């Protein structure tokens, strides 16, 4: 089993109404690659996943949004589903949390409706992204270029359209996030040499 993300800490931000498979499958792929993941939500307890239009499972929240900062993590993953990103983008602390990852030059992955958070955080201008097709105008209006592809990486951001794209999303997310591991190791080696 490959461990290219060993030691990497990944924040996954959701609230009730996230597309369950867009959280569970990427999270599983990250953990299999050695990353430590935290499910973060605006409130403690559990969050409700959805399977398209039906309620799915509930998942325990690892950390509340108020108790974390982007500096606590090496990378960020945003699941989709309509309700979760739509609710999160109305919470200033959530939007700032996402923006802080970009400001700190940390990798970000978002799938389906997840790029709404990137739009709200002002991260799409000049970038090429994909998403669920209904976000096309939002991305374009925010200065981004929307394309209809299974996965797109532009700089420190990787995006995908829908659950069917999860294999490609996971593959490219791990490639992008593994660069953060290399940079962390390189920074650690530089500090040791001083």
N, C-alpha and C. Protein backbone atom coordinates (compact mmCIF):
# COMPACT_ATOMS: atom_id res chain seq x y z
N UNK A 1 0.84 -1.19 0.00
CA UNK A 1 0.00 0.00 0.00
C UNK A 1 0.89 1.25 0.00
N UNK A 2 0.61 2.16 -0.91
CA UNK A 2 1.39 3.37 -1.06
C UNK A 2 1.10 4.35 0.08
N UNK A 3 2.11 5.03 0.54
CA UNK A 3 1.96 5.98 1.65
C UNK A 3 2.54 7.34 1.27
N UNK A 4 2.27 7.79 0.03
CA UNK A 4 2.87 9.05 -0.44
C UNK A 4 2.38 10.27 0.32
N UNK A 5 1.28 10.15 1.06
CA UNK A 5 0.77 11.28 1.84
C UNK A 5 1.03 11.13 3.33
N UNK A 6 1.96 10.24 3.70
CA UNK A 6 2.28 10.01 5.11
C UNK A 6 2.63 11.33 5.80
N UNK A 7 1.96 11.60 6.93
CA UNK A 7 2.23 12.80 7.69
C UNK A 7 1.43 14.02 7.26
N UNK A 8 0.69 13.92 6.17
CA UNK A 8 -0.10 15.05 5.67
C UNK A 8 -1.42 15.14 6.45
N UNK A 9 -1.78 16.35 6.87
CA UNK A 9 -3.04 16.58 7.59
C UNK A 9 -4.00 17.30 6.64
N UNK A 10 -5.18 16.70 6.42
CA UNK A 10 -6.15 17.24 5.46
C UNK A 10 -7.44 17.62 6.17
N UNK A 11 -7.88 18.85 5.92
CA UNK A 11 -9.16 19.34 6.44
C UNK A 11 -10.25 19.06 5.42
N UNK A 12 -11.37 18.50 5.88
CA UNK A 12 -12.54 18.26 5.04
C UNK A 12 -13.70 19.00 5.70
N UNK A 13 -14.20 20.04 5.04
CA UNK A 13 -15.24 20.89 5.62
C UNK A 13 -16.61 20.56 5.04
N UNK A 14 -17.56 20.24 5.92
CA UNK A 14 -18.92 19.94 5.48
C UNK A 14 -19.93 20.46 6.51
N UNK A 15 -21.17 20.51 6.10
CA UNK A 15 -22.28 20.63 7.01
C UNK A 15 -23.38 19.72 6.46
N UNK A 16 -24.51 19.64 7.14
CA UNK A 16 -25.58 18.75 6.69
C UNK A 16 -25.90 18.98 5.22
N UNK A 17 -26.06 17.88 4.48
CA UNK A 17 -26.45 17.98 3.07
C UNK A 17 -25.32 17.78 2.09
N UNK A 18 -24.16 17.28 2.54
CA UNK A 18 -23.08 16.99 1.60
C UNK A 18 -23.37 15.68 0.87
N UNK A 19 -22.85 15.55 -0.33
CA UNK A 19 -22.98 14.31 -1.10
C UNK A 19 -22.05 13.29 -0.47
N UNK A 20 -22.65 12.26 0.12
CA UNK A 20 -21.90 11.32 0.96
C UNK A 20 -20.69 10.71 0.27
N UNK A 21 -20.87 10.18 -0.93
CA UNK A 21 -19.79 9.49 -1.62
C UNK A 21 -18.65 10.45 -1.98
N UNK A 22 -18.97 11.75 -2.12
CA UNK A 22 -17.93 12.74 -2.43
C UNK A 22 -17.10 13.11 -1.21
N UNK A 23 -17.53 12.66 -0.05
CA UNK A 23 -16.70 12.79 1.16
C UNK A 23 -16.02 11.46 1.46
N UNK A 24 -16.81 10.37 1.47
CA UNK A 24 -16.27 9.09 1.94
C UNK A 24 -15.19 8.52 1.02
N UNK A 25 -15.41 8.55 -0.28
CA UNK A 25 -14.43 7.93 -1.21
C UNK A 25 -13.12 8.72 -1.27
N UNK A 26 -13.16 10.05 -1.41
CA UNK A 26 -11.88 10.78 -1.36
C UNK A 26 -11.19 10.66 0.01
N UNK A 27 -11.97 10.68 1.08
CA UNK A 27 -11.37 10.55 2.41
C UNK A 27 -10.68 9.20 2.55
N UNK A 28 -11.35 8.16 2.07
CA UNK A 28 -10.76 6.81 2.11
C UNK A 28 -9.46 6.77 1.31
N UNK A 29 -9.46 7.39 0.12
CA UNK A 29 -8.25 7.40 -0.72
C UNK A 29 -7.12 8.16 -0.02
N UNK A 30 -7.45 9.28 0.62
CA UNK A 30 -6.44 10.05 1.35
C UNK A 30 -5.85 9.24 2.50
N UNK A 31 -6.71 8.56 3.24
CA UNK A 31 -6.24 7.77 4.37
C UNK A 31 -5.41 6.58 3.92
N UNK A 32 -5.82 5.94 2.82
CA UNK A 32 -5.04 4.81 2.29
C UNK A 32 -3.65 5.27 1.85
N UNK A 33 -3.55 6.55 1.42
CA UNK A 33 -2.26 7.10 1.00
C UNK A 33 -1.45 7.62 2.18
N UNK A 34 -2.01 7.47 3.41
CA UNK A 34 -1.26 7.83 4.61
C UNK A 34 -1.62 9.15 5.25
N UNK A 35 -2.57 9.89 4.67
CA UNK A 35 -2.94 11.19 5.23
C UNK A 35 -3.82 11.02 6.47
N UNK A 36 -3.74 12.00 7.35
CA UNK A 36 -4.66 12.10 8.48
C UNK A 36 -5.74 13.10 8.07
N UNK A 37 -7.00 12.70 8.18
CA UNK A 37 -8.10 13.58 7.77
C UNK A 37 -8.96 13.95 8.97
N UNK A 38 -9.45 15.17 8.96
CA UNK A 38 -10.39 15.63 9.97
C UNK A 38 -11.65 16.14 9.29
N UNK A 39 -12.79 15.60 9.73
CA UNK A 39 -14.09 16.08 9.26
C UNK A 39 -14.47 17.27 10.13
N UNK A 40 -14.54 18.43 9.51
CA UNK A 40 -14.77 19.69 10.21
C UNK A 40 -16.16 20.21 9.83
N UNK A 41 -16.88 20.71 10.83
CA UNK A 41 -18.23 21.23 10.60
C UNK A 41 -18.46 22.45 11.49
N UNK A 42 -19.47 23.27 11.16
CA UNK A 42 -19.75 24.45 11.98
C UNK A 42 -20.15 24.12 13.41
N UNK A 43 -20.69 22.92 13.63
CA UNK A 43 -21.10 22.54 14.99
C UNK A 43 -20.63 21.13 15.28
N UNK A 44 -20.53 20.81 16.57
CA UNK A 44 -20.08 19.48 16.98
C UNK A 44 -21.20 18.46 16.82
N UNK A 45 -20.88 17.20 17.07
CA UNK A 45 -21.87 16.13 16.98
C UNK A 45 -21.71 15.34 15.70
N UNK A 46 -22.78 15.31 14.90
CA UNK A 46 -22.77 14.55 13.65
C UNK A 46 -23.25 15.42 12.51
N UNK A 47 -22.83 15.05 11.30
CA UNK A 47 -23.32 15.72 10.09
C UNK A 47 -24.02 14.69 9.22
N UNK A 48 -25.05 15.15 8.52
CA UNK A 48 -25.90 14.29 7.70
C UNK A 48 -25.44 14.27 6.25
N UNK A 49 -25.06 13.09 5.78
CA UNK A 49 -24.74 12.92 4.37
C UNK A 49 -25.99 12.65 3.56
N UNK A 50 -25.88 12.84 2.25
CA UNK A 50 -26.99 12.57 1.34
C UNK A 50 -26.49 11.71 0.18
N UNK A 51 -27.37 10.87 -0.32
CA UNK A 51 -27.13 10.11 -1.55
C UNK A 51 -28.08 10.67 -2.59
N UNK A 52 -27.61 11.65 -3.32
CA UNK A 52 -28.44 12.39 -4.29
C UNK A 52 -29.61 13.05 -3.55
N UNK A 53 -30.83 12.58 -3.73
CA UNK A 53 -32.00 13.21 -3.11
C UNK A 53 -32.49 12.50 -1.86
N UNK A 54 -31.74 11.52 -1.38
CA UNK A 54 -32.15 10.74 -0.21
C UNK A 54 -31.14 10.92 0.91
N UNK A 55 -31.64 10.92 2.14
CA UNK A 55 -30.74 11.00 3.28
C UNK A 55 -29.83 9.78 3.30
N UNK A 56 -28.58 10.01 3.62
CA UNK A 56 -27.61 8.93 3.75
C UNK A 56 -27.29 8.69 5.21
N UNK A 57 -26.02 8.52 5.50
CA UNK A 57 -25.56 8.24 6.86
C UNK A 57 -25.18 9.52 7.59
N UNK A 58 -25.06 9.38 8.91
CA UNK A 58 -24.53 10.47 9.72
C UNK A 58 -23.09 10.14 10.07
N UNK A 59 -22.26 11.18 10.16
CA UNK A 59 -20.84 11.01 10.42
C UNK A 59 -20.42 11.89 11.58
N UNK A 60 -19.53 11.36 12.46
CA UNK A 60 -19.07 12.16 13.59
C UNK A 60 -18.15 13.29 13.13
N UNK A 61 -18.36 14.45 13.71
CA UNK A 61 -17.51 15.61 13.45
C UNK A 61 -16.24 15.47 14.29
N UNK A 62 -15.08 15.61 13.64
CA UNK A 62 -13.81 15.53 14.36
C UNK A 62 -13.45 16.85 15.04
N UNK A 63 -13.71 17.94 14.36
CA UNK A 63 -13.36 19.27 14.87
C UNK A 63 -14.43 20.26 14.43
N UNK A 64 -14.67 21.27 15.27
CA UNK A 64 -15.59 22.33 14.86
C UNK A 64 -14.81 23.43 14.15
N UNK A 65 -15.48 24.12 13.28
CA UNK A 65 -14.87 25.19 12.50
C UNK A 65 -14.21 26.24 13.39
N UNK A 66 -14.84 26.55 14.50
CA UNK A 66 -14.28 27.56 15.41
C UNK A 66 -13.00 27.11 16.10
N UNK A 67 -12.72 25.80 16.09
CA UNK A 67 -11.56 25.29 16.82
C UNK A 67 -10.34 25.04 15.92
N UNK A 68 -10.45 25.36 14.63
CA UNK A 68 -9.35 25.07 13.70
C UNK A 68 -8.94 26.31 12.91
N UNK A 69 -7.73 26.24 12.39
CA UNK A 69 -7.18 27.26 11.49
C UNK A 69 -6.52 26.52 10.33
N UNK A 70 -6.38 27.19 9.21
CA UNK A 70 -5.70 26.57 8.06
C UNK A 70 -4.27 26.18 8.40
N UNK A 71 -3.64 26.90 9.32
CA UNK A 71 -2.26 26.57 9.72
C UNK A 71 -2.15 25.20 10.38
N UNK A 72 -3.30 24.64 10.83
CA UNK A 72 -3.30 23.31 11.45
C UNK A 72 -3.19 22.19 10.41
N UNK A 73 -3.35 22.52 9.12
CA UNK A 73 -3.46 21.52 8.06
C UNK A 73 -2.51 21.81 6.91
N UNK A 74 -2.29 20.76 6.10
CA UNK A 74 -1.42 20.86 4.94
C UNK A 74 -2.20 20.97 3.63
N UNK A 75 -3.47 20.56 3.65
CA UNK A 75 -4.28 20.54 2.43
C UNK A 75 -5.76 20.59 2.82
N UNK A 76 -6.60 20.91 1.81
CA UNK A 76 -8.03 21.09 2.04
C UNK A 76 -8.82 20.33 0.98
N UNK A 77 -9.88 19.62 1.40
CA UNK A 77 -10.75 18.92 0.46
C UNK A 77 -12.20 19.32 0.71
N UNK A 78 -12.90 19.76 -0.37
CA UNK A 78 -14.28 20.23 -0.26
C UNK A 78 -15.22 19.29 -1.03
N UNK A 79 -16.00 18.46 -0.30
CA UNK A 79 -17.02 17.66 -0.97
C UNK A 79 -18.15 18.54 -1.51
N UNK A 80 -18.92 17.96 -2.40
CA UNK A 80 -20.06 18.68 -2.96
C UNK A 80 -21.37 18.32 -2.30
N UNK A 81 -22.39 18.17 -3.14
CA UNK A 81 -23.76 18.15 -2.66
C UNK A 81 -24.24 19.59 -2.73
N UNK A 82 -25.50 19.81 -2.99
CA UNK A 82 -25.98 21.18 -3.15
C UNK A 82 -26.01 21.91 -1.81
N UNK A 83 -26.60 21.31 -0.79
CA UNK A 83 -26.89 22.02 0.45
C UNK A 83 -25.65 22.41 1.24
N UNK A 84 -24.69 21.50 1.38
CA UNK A 84 -23.54 21.76 2.24
C UNK A 84 -22.71 22.96 1.77
N UNK A 85 -22.21 22.98 0.53
CA UNK A 85 -21.43 24.16 0.11
C UNK A 85 -22.26 25.44 0.10
N UNK A 86 -23.56 25.32 -0.23
CA UNK A 86 -24.41 26.50 -0.26
C UNK A 86 -24.55 27.09 1.14
N UNK A 87 -24.70 26.24 2.14
CA UNK A 87 -24.79 26.72 3.52
C UNK A 87 -23.44 27.24 4.01
N UNK A 88 -22.38 26.53 3.70
CA UNK A 88 -21.05 26.93 4.17
C UNK A 88 -20.63 28.28 3.61
N UNK A 89 -20.98 28.57 2.35
CA UNK A 89 -20.53 29.83 1.76
C UNK A 89 -21.22 31.05 2.37
N UNK A 90 -22.22 30.81 3.21
CA UNK A 90 -22.89 31.89 3.94
C UNK A 90 -22.27 32.12 5.32
N UNK A 91 -21.24 31.33 5.67
CA UNK A 91 -20.58 31.44 6.98
C UNK A 91 -19.21 32.08 6.76
N UNK A 92 -19.04 33.36 7.18
CA UNK A 92 -17.77 34.04 6.93
C UNK A 92 -16.53 33.27 7.41
N UNK A 93 -16.60 32.62 8.55
CA UNK A 93 -15.45 31.86 9.07
C UNK A 93 -15.09 30.70 8.13
N UNK A 94 -16.10 30.05 7.54
CA UNK A 94 -15.85 28.96 6.60
C UNK A 94 -15.17 29.47 5.34
N UNK A 95 -15.66 30.59 4.82
CA UNK A 95 -15.08 31.18 3.61
C UNK A 95 -13.64 31.60 3.88
N UNK A 96 -13.39 32.21 5.03
CA UNK A 96 -12.03 32.65 5.37
C UNK A 96 -11.10 31.45 5.54
N UNK A 97 -11.63 30.37 6.12
CA UNK A 97 -10.85 29.14 6.30
C UNK A 97 -10.33 28.65 4.95
N UNK A 98 -11.20 28.62 3.95
CA UNK A 98 -10.80 28.17 2.61
C UNK A 98 -9.80 29.15 1.99
N UNK A 99 -10.08 30.43 2.11
CA UNK A 99 -9.19 31.47 1.57
C UNK A 99 -7.79 31.36 2.19
N UNK A 100 -7.74 31.06 3.48
CA UNK A 100 -6.45 30.95 4.17
C UNK A 100 -5.58 29.85 3.58
N UNK A 101 -6.18 28.75 3.13
CA UNK A 101 -5.40 27.69 2.49
C UNK A 101 -4.71 28.23 1.24
N UNK A 102 -5.45 28.99 0.45
CA UNK A 102 -4.88 29.58 -0.76
C UNK A 102 -3.79 30.59 -0.41
N UNK A 103 -4.08 31.44 0.58
CA UNK A 103 -3.10 32.46 1.00
C UNK A 103 -1.81 31.82 1.49
N UNK A 104 -1.91 30.62 2.07
CA UNK A 104 -0.75 29.90 2.57
C UNK A 104 -0.15 28.95 1.52
N UNK A 105 -0.65 29.07 0.28
CA UNK A 105 -0.15 28.27 -0.85
C UNK A 105 -0.27 26.77 -0.61
N UNK A 106 -1.38 26.38 0.01
CA UNK A 106 -1.64 24.96 0.28
C UNK A 106 -2.63 24.43 -0.75
N UNK A 107 -2.52 23.14 -1.10
CA UNK A 107 -3.39 22.58 -2.13
C UNK A 107 -4.84 22.43 -1.67
N UNK A 108 -5.74 22.60 -2.64
CA UNK A 108 -7.18 22.55 -2.42
C UNK A 108 -7.80 21.64 -3.46
N UNK A 109 -8.71 20.76 -3.01
CA UNK A 109 -9.45 19.88 -3.92
C UNK A 109 -10.94 20.11 -3.67
N UNK A 110 -11.72 20.24 -4.75
CA UNK A 110 -13.16 20.46 -4.62
C UNK A 110 -13.88 19.73 -5.74
N UNK A 111 -15.00 19.10 -5.39
CA UNK A 111 -15.76 18.32 -6.36
C UNK A 111 -17.22 18.75 -6.38
N UNK A 112 -17.83 18.65 -7.56
CA UNK A 112 -19.26 18.86 -7.77
C UNK A 112 -19.66 20.30 -7.45
N UNK A 113 -20.45 20.52 -6.40
CA UNK A 113 -20.83 21.87 -5.97
C UNK A 113 -19.78 22.49 -5.04
N UNK A 114 -18.75 21.73 -4.69
CA UNK A 114 -17.70 22.23 -3.81
C UNK A 114 -17.03 23.52 -4.29
N UNK A 115 -16.83 23.70 -5.62
CA UNK A 115 -16.20 24.93 -6.08
C UNK A 115 -16.97 26.21 -5.74
N UNK A 116 -18.23 26.11 -5.31
CA UNK A 116 -18.93 27.29 -4.81
C UNK A 116 -18.12 27.96 -3.71
N UNK A 117 -17.47 27.15 -2.86
CA UNK A 117 -16.66 27.71 -1.78
C UNK A 117 -15.45 28.45 -2.34
N UNK A 118 -14.90 27.96 -3.44
CA UNK A 118 -13.75 28.62 -4.06
C UNK A 118 -14.18 29.95 -4.68
N UNK A 119 -15.37 29.97 -5.28
CA UNK A 119 -15.93 31.21 -5.83
C UNK A 119 -16.11 32.22 -4.70
N UNK A 120 -16.75 31.78 -3.63
CA UNK A 120 -17.05 32.68 -2.51
C UNK A 120 -15.78 33.22 -1.86
N UNK A 121 -14.72 32.42 -1.85
CA UNK A 121 -13.45 32.82 -1.24
C UNK A 121 -12.58 33.65 -2.20
N UNK A 122 -13.07 33.87 -3.42
CA UNK A 122 -12.34 34.68 -4.38
C UNK A 122 -11.11 34.00 -4.97
N UNK A 123 -11.19 32.68 -5.14
CA UNK A 123 -10.01 31.92 -5.57
C UNK A 123 -10.01 31.48 -7.03
N UNK A 124 -11.06 31.83 -7.81
CA UNK A 124 -11.15 31.26 -9.15
C UNK A 124 -10.72 32.20 -10.27
N UNK A 125 -10.51 33.46 -9.98
CA UNK A 125 -10.14 34.40 -11.03
C UNK A 125 -8.85 33.96 -11.72
N UNK A 126 -8.92 33.84 -13.06
CA UNK A 126 -7.77 33.43 -13.84
C UNK A 126 -7.47 31.94 -13.81
N UNK A 127 -8.30 31.15 -13.12
CA UNK A 127 -8.09 29.71 -12.99
C UNK A 127 -9.03 28.95 -13.93
N UNK A 128 -8.61 27.76 -14.34
CA UNK A 128 -9.47 26.84 -15.08
C UNK A 128 -9.96 25.79 -14.10
N UNK A 129 -11.30 25.62 -14.04
CA UNK A 129 -11.92 24.67 -13.13
C UNK A 129 -13.00 23.90 -13.85
N UNK A 130 -13.40 22.79 -13.21
CA UNK A 130 -14.62 22.11 -13.60
C UNK A 130 -15.46 21.96 -12.35
N UNK A 131 -16.72 21.57 -12.54
CA UNK A 131 -17.67 21.46 -11.42
C UNK A 131 -18.94 20.82 -11.95
N UNK A 132 -19.92 20.69 -11.06
CA UNK A 132 -21.26 20.35 -11.52
C UNK A 132 -21.65 21.45 -12.51
N UNK A 133 -22.27 21.10 -13.66
CA UNK A 133 -22.52 22.09 -14.71
C UNK A 133 -23.29 23.35 -14.27
N UNK A 134 -24.12 23.24 -13.25
CA UNK A 134 -24.91 24.42 -12.85
C UNK A 134 -24.04 25.53 -12.25
N UNK A 135 -22.77 25.23 -11.92
CA UNK A 135 -21.88 26.26 -11.38
C UNK A 135 -21.09 26.99 -12.46
N UNK A 136 -21.30 26.59 -13.73
CA UNK A 136 -20.55 27.16 -14.84
C UNK A 136 -20.59 28.69 -14.84
N UNK A 137 -21.78 29.27 -14.72
CA UNK A 137 -21.90 30.73 -14.75
C UNK A 137 -21.28 31.37 -13.52
N UNK A 138 -21.42 30.74 -12.36
CA UNK A 138 -20.82 31.28 -11.14
C UNK A 138 -19.31 31.39 -11.29
N UNK A 139 -18.70 30.34 -11.84
CA UNK A 139 -17.25 30.31 -12.03
C UNK A 139 -16.83 31.35 -13.06
N UNK A 140 -17.55 31.43 -14.16
CA UNK A 140 -17.22 32.42 -15.20
C UNK A 140 -17.41 33.84 -14.68
N UNK A 141 -18.50 34.07 -13.96
CA UNK A 141 -18.76 35.41 -13.41
C UNK A 141 -17.71 35.84 -12.39
N UNK A 142 -17.06 34.86 -11.77
CA UNK A 142 -16.00 35.15 -10.79
C UNK A 142 -14.63 35.25 -11.45
N UNK A 143 -14.59 35.20 -12.79
CA UNK A 143 -13.34 35.38 -13.52
C UNK A 143 -12.59 34.10 -13.84
N UNK A 144 -13.24 32.96 -13.59
CA UNK A 144 -12.61 31.68 -13.89
C UNK A 144 -13.00 31.18 -15.27
N UNK A 145 -12.33 30.14 -15.71
CA UNK A 145 -12.65 29.47 -16.98
C UNK A 145 -13.21 28.11 -16.63
N UNK A 146 -14.46 27.84 -17.03
CA UNK A 146 -15.10 26.56 -16.73
C UNK A 146 -14.94 25.64 -17.92
N UNK A 147 -14.55 24.38 -17.65
CA UNK A 147 -14.46 23.36 -18.70
C UNK A 147 -15.20 22.11 -18.25
N UNK A 148 -15.69 21.36 -19.22
CA UNK A 148 -16.43 20.12 -18.94
C UNK A 148 -15.49 18.93 -19.07
N UNK A 149 -14.71 18.68 -18.00
CA UNK A 149 -13.78 17.55 -17.97
C UNK A 149 -13.92 16.83 -16.64
N UNK A 150 -13.48 15.58 -16.60
CA UNK A 150 -13.64 14.80 -15.36
C UNK A 150 -12.79 15.35 -14.22
N UNK A 151 -11.62 15.91 -14.55
CA UNK A 151 -10.77 16.48 -13.51
C UNK A 151 -9.89 17.55 -14.14
N UNK A 152 -9.65 18.62 -13.38
CA UNK A 152 -8.80 19.71 -13.84
C UNK A 152 -7.90 20.14 -12.69
N UNK A 153 -6.61 20.26 -12.96
CA UNK A 153 -5.69 20.82 -11.98
C UNK A 153 -5.14 22.11 -12.55
N UNK A 154 -5.24 23.18 -11.77
CA UNK A 154 -4.68 24.47 -12.16
C UNK A 154 -3.99 25.05 -10.94
N UNK A 155 -2.68 25.06 -10.98
CA UNK A 155 -1.92 25.53 -9.82
C UNK A 155 -2.15 24.61 -8.63
N UNK A 156 -2.60 25.21 -7.52
CA UNK A 156 -2.82 24.45 -6.29
C UNK A 156 -4.27 24.00 -6.12
N UNK A 157 -5.05 24.01 -7.19
CA UNK A 157 -6.46 23.63 -7.09
C UNK A 157 -6.77 22.50 -8.07
N UNK A 158 -7.42 21.46 -7.56
CA UNK A 158 -7.92 20.37 -8.40
C UNK A 158 -9.43 20.29 -8.22
N UNK A 159 -10.16 20.17 -9.34
CA UNK A 159 -11.62 20.11 -9.29
C UNK A 159 -12.14 18.98 -10.18
N UNK A 160 -13.35 18.49 -9.81
CA UNK A 160 -14.05 17.49 -10.61
C UNK A 160 -15.53 17.80 -10.62
N UNK A 161 -16.28 17.10 -11.52
CA UNK A 161 -17.68 17.45 -11.77
C UNK A 161 -18.70 16.73 -10.90
N UNK A 162 -18.50 15.43 -10.63
CA UNK A 162 -19.59 14.62 -10.08
C UNK A 162 -19.07 13.31 -9.52
N UNK A 163 -19.94 12.53 -8.86
CA UNK A 163 -19.49 11.25 -8.28
C UNK A 163 -18.81 10.31 -9.28
N UNK A 164 -19.27 10.29 -10.53
CA UNK A 164 -18.63 9.41 -11.52
C UNK A 164 -17.16 9.74 -11.74
N UNK A 165 -16.77 10.98 -11.41
CA UNK A 165 -15.39 11.43 -11.62
C UNK A 165 -14.48 11.14 -10.43
N UNK A 166 -15.02 10.54 -9.38
CA UNK A 166 -14.23 10.35 -8.15
C UNK A 166 -12.91 9.61 -8.39
N UNK A 167 -12.84 8.55 -9.21
CA UNK A 167 -11.53 7.91 -9.41
C UNK A 167 -10.48 8.89 -9.96
N UNK A 168 -10.86 9.69 -10.95
CA UNK A 168 -9.92 10.68 -11.52
C UNK A 168 -9.61 11.76 -10.50
N UNK A 169 -10.63 12.20 -9.77
CA UNK A 169 -10.46 13.22 -8.73
C UNK A 169 -9.47 12.74 -7.67
N UNK A 170 -9.68 11.52 -7.18
CA UNK A 170 -8.80 10.97 -6.15
C UNK A 170 -7.36 10.89 -6.64
N UNK A 171 -7.19 10.40 -7.87
CA UNK A 171 -5.85 10.25 -8.43
C UNK A 171 -5.12 11.60 -8.48
N UNK A 172 -5.78 12.60 -9.04
CA UNK A 172 -5.14 13.90 -9.21
C UNK A 172 -5.01 14.66 -7.89
N UNK A 173 -5.96 14.45 -6.97
CA UNK A 173 -5.86 15.06 -5.64
C UNK A 173 -4.62 14.53 -4.92
N UNK A 174 -4.38 13.23 -5.00
CA UNK A 174 -3.22 12.64 -4.34
C UNK A 174 -1.92 13.14 -4.98
N UNK A 175 -1.91 13.27 -6.30
CA UNK A 175 -0.73 13.83 -6.98
C UNK A 175 -0.47 15.25 -6.47
N UNK A 176 -1.51 16.08 -6.44
CA UNK A 176 -1.35 17.47 -6.00
C UNK A 176 -0.95 17.54 -4.53
N UNK A 177 -1.62 16.76 -3.68
CA UNK A 177 -1.33 16.80 -2.25
C UNK A 177 0.05 16.25 -1.94
N UNK A 178 0.54 15.31 -2.77
CA UNK A 178 1.88 14.75 -2.51
C UNK A 178 2.96 15.81 -2.68
N UNK A 179 2.69 16.83 -3.48
CA UNK A 179 3.64 17.94 -3.59
C UNK A 179 3.77 18.67 -2.26
N UNK A 180 2.66 18.76 -1.51
CA UNK A 180 2.70 19.40 -0.20
C UNK A 180 3.57 18.60 0.76
N UNK A 181 3.55 17.27 0.64
CA UNK A 181 4.41 16.42 1.48
C UNK A 181 5.87 16.71 1.14
N UNK A 182 6.19 16.78 -0.15
CA UNK A 182 7.56 17.05 -0.59
C UNK A 182 8.03 18.40 -0.08
N UNK A 183 7.15 19.42 -0.18
CA UNK A 183 7.52 20.76 0.28
C UNK A 183 7.71 20.79 1.79
N UNK A 184 6.86 20.06 2.52
CA UNK A 184 6.98 20.00 3.98
C UNK A 184 8.30 19.33 4.37
N UNK A 185 8.61 18.22 3.67
CA UNK A 185 9.88 17.52 3.96
C UNK A 185 11.07 18.40 3.61
N UNK A 186 10.98 19.11 2.49
CA UNK A 186 12.06 20.00 2.06
C UNK A 186 12.26 21.13 3.08
N UNK A 187 11.15 21.72 3.55
CA UNK A 187 11.24 22.78 4.56
C UNK A 187 11.84 22.26 5.85
N UNK A 188 11.47 21.04 6.23
CA UNK A 188 12.01 20.43 7.44
C UNK A 188 13.50 20.19 7.32
N UNK A 189 13.94 19.74 6.14
CA UNK A 189 15.37 19.51 5.91
C UNK A 189 16.14 20.82 5.93
N UNK A 190 15.54 21.87 5.38
CA UNK A 190 16.19 23.19 5.38
C UNK A 190 16.36 23.70 6.80
N UNK A 191 15.34 23.51 7.63
CA UNK A 191 15.42 23.98 9.02
C UNK A 191 16.50 23.22 9.79
N UNK A 192 16.65 21.91 9.50
CA UNK A 192 17.65 21.09 10.19
C UNK A 192 19.06 21.53 9.81
N UNK A 193 19.23 22.00 8.58
CA UNK A 193 20.56 22.39 8.11
C UNK A 193 21.02 23.71 8.71
N UNK A 194 20.11 24.51 9.22
CA UNK A 194 20.48 25.83 9.76
C UNK A 194 21.22 25.70 11.07
